[in-house]
Amino acid sequence: MTPTRETIWDRIERLLVGLLGALAMIVGLVQVVGRYFFPSDAISWAEEVIVYLVVWAVMIVSSQLVRTDGHVRPDLVLRLVPPGGQRWMEAFNCIVALAFCWGMIWYGWQIVDTSLSLDERSSTALAFPMWIYYSALPAGGVLMGVRYLIRLYRYLFHFDPDTMTTGHIPAHEMPANIASPPVR
């Protein structure tokens, strides 16, 4: 089976999140070991870097939550309506989520732009450029927005009440036609 663009996208996101998490763990370990065994050589900026890495990881993985139906939403209400109603409620949810993503992108970019124009840096010895940290917000908005667009397209044009169920679907249990719908 040839991987689709979406599966490649999924793999890249999971790889990036794994690398960011592992790097955060390594920085934390170095800080703890340095603090207890080599206090004179301990790094003072570890907490700051860990926060940056984890925030970026969370914003990237939020896209995977859209793909697997993992974001918070009213599943109980959705389960009470017939599949046709679920379809339109899900489509409405995608539109609202797209508006939220647009806000994340727009206001996130405003924050990044302000940080760039002020040459804002962290207050630690690291003097990290804050625009890189703030860029996680519009980047996460773009990733989630594209996923919501794909989701909306599927609910509008490829709805299958037998496989497009409500509720969280773990990635390994996701039906093949949801993971990569046929192109018509």
Foldseek 3Di string as FASTA:
>chain_A
DDDDPLVVLVVVLVVLLVVLVVVLVVLVVQQVCCVPPPVVPHDDCSVVSSVLSNLLNVLSCVLVCLLQVNDDDPLVVLVVDDLVVNLVVLLVVLVVLLVVLVVQQVVLVVVLVVLVVVQQFDPDPVRHRCSSSSVSRNVSSVSNNVSSVVVNCCSVPVDDSVQPHHDGDPPVRHDPCSSPNDDD
